Amino acid sequence: MDADEDTRGFAALLGGDVVGFLHWYAGTAAAIACYAKVGFRPVGLMRQYGRDRHGRWHDGLLLDLLAVELVR
């Protein structure tokens, strides 16, 4: 399964007036672009969201999606 299939699968679970949201490391451009394809939009940056295996801090990006905005 590739990232596009995973994103479509997640987006297919949304329905009605549900608001979907997720958070992702801000530096992973490929994953963020994949979520943007189905309509997720960045709404905030969480500073020092998590550490990598070397102990370095990384920011996190908060994205959301309203069910009516879902790109099918």
Protein backbone atom coordinates (compact mmCIF):
# COMPACT_ATOMS: atom_id res chain seq x y z
CA MET A 1 0.00 0.00 0.00
CA ASP A 2 1.41 3.40 -0.91
CA ALA A 3 0.83 6.72 0.82
CA ASP A 4 -1.89 7.77 -1.66
CA GLU A 5 -3.88 4.58 -1.03
CA ASP A 6 -3.48 5.04 2.72
CA THR A 7 -4.73 8.62 2.51
CA ARG A 8 -7.75 7.68 0.39
CA GLY A 9 -8.59 4.92 2.83
CA PHE A 10 -8.49 7.31 5.77
CA ALA A 11 -10.49 9.96 3.93
CA ALA A 12 -13.14 7.40 2.95
CA LEU A 13 -13.94 6.95 6.65
CA LEU A 14 -15.09 10.56 6.94
CA GLY A 15 -18.76 11.30 6.40
CA GLY A 16 -21.63 13.50 7.46
CA ASP A 17 -20.50 16.54 9.42
CA VAL A 18 -17.38 14.86 10.78
CA VAL A 19 -14.28 16.96 10.98
CA GLY A 20 -11.11 15.01 10.40
CA PHE A 21 -7.80 16.13 11.79
CA LEU A 22 -4.31 14.78 12.00
CA HIS A 23 -0.86 15.86 12.98
CA TRP A 24 2.33 15.10 11.19
CA TYR A 25 5.97 16.08 11.45
CA ALA A 26 6.34 19.38 9.65
CA GLY A 27 9.42 18.22 7.75
CA THR A 28 7.75 15.33 5.89
CA ALA A 29 6.73 17.14 2.73
CA ALA A 30 5.73 14.02 0.78
CA ALA A 31 3.23 12.91 3.44
CA ILE A 32 1.81 16.42 3.82
CA ALA A 33 1.36 16.69 0.04
CA CYS A 34 -0.46 13.36 0.03
CA TYR A 35 -2.95 14.53 2.67
CA ALA A 36 -3.42 17.82 0.80
CA LYS A 37 -4.56 15.83 -2.27
CA VAL A 38 -7.76 14.82 -0.48
CA GLY A 39 -8.38 18.25 1.01
CA PHE A 40 -6.53 18.49 4.33
CA ARG A 41 -5.39 22.04 5.08
CA PRO A 42 -2.72 23.19 7.51
CA VAL A 43 -4.21 24.99 10.50
CA GLY A 44 -1.36 25.22 12.95
CA LEU A 45 2.21 24.45 13.84
CA MET A 46 3.03 22.64 17.08
CA ARG A 47 6.52 23.69 18.08
CA GLN A 48 8.84 21.02 19.44
CA TYR A 49 6.17 18.39 18.79
CA GLY A 50 8.41 15.36 19.09
CA ARG A 51 11.94 14.06 19.11
CA ASP A 52 13.67 11.90 16.55
CA ARG A 53 15.85 8.93 17.41
CA HIS A 54 18.80 11.27 17.93
CA GLY A 55 16.95 13.36 20.50
CA ARG A 56 16.48 16.40 18.23
CA TRP A 57 13.21 18.28 18.46
CA HIS A 58 10.95 18.64 15.42
CA ASP A 59 7.85 20.74 14.86
CA GLY A 60 4.50 19.15 14.06
CA LEU A 61 1.92 20.35 11.56
CA LEU A 62 -1.76 20.20 12.47
CA LEU A 63 -4.08 19.62 9.49
CA ASP A 64 -7.86 19.43 9.34
CA LEU A 65 -10.57 18.48 6.89
CA LEU A 66 -14.28 19.15 6.94
CA ALA A 67 -16.35 16.38 5.43
CA VAL A 68 -17.81 18.82 2.89
CA GLU A 69 -14.27 19.66 1.70
CA LEU A 70 -13.29 16.07 0.98
CA VAL A 71 -11.88 15.66 -2.52
CA ARG A 72 -13.17 12.36 -3.92
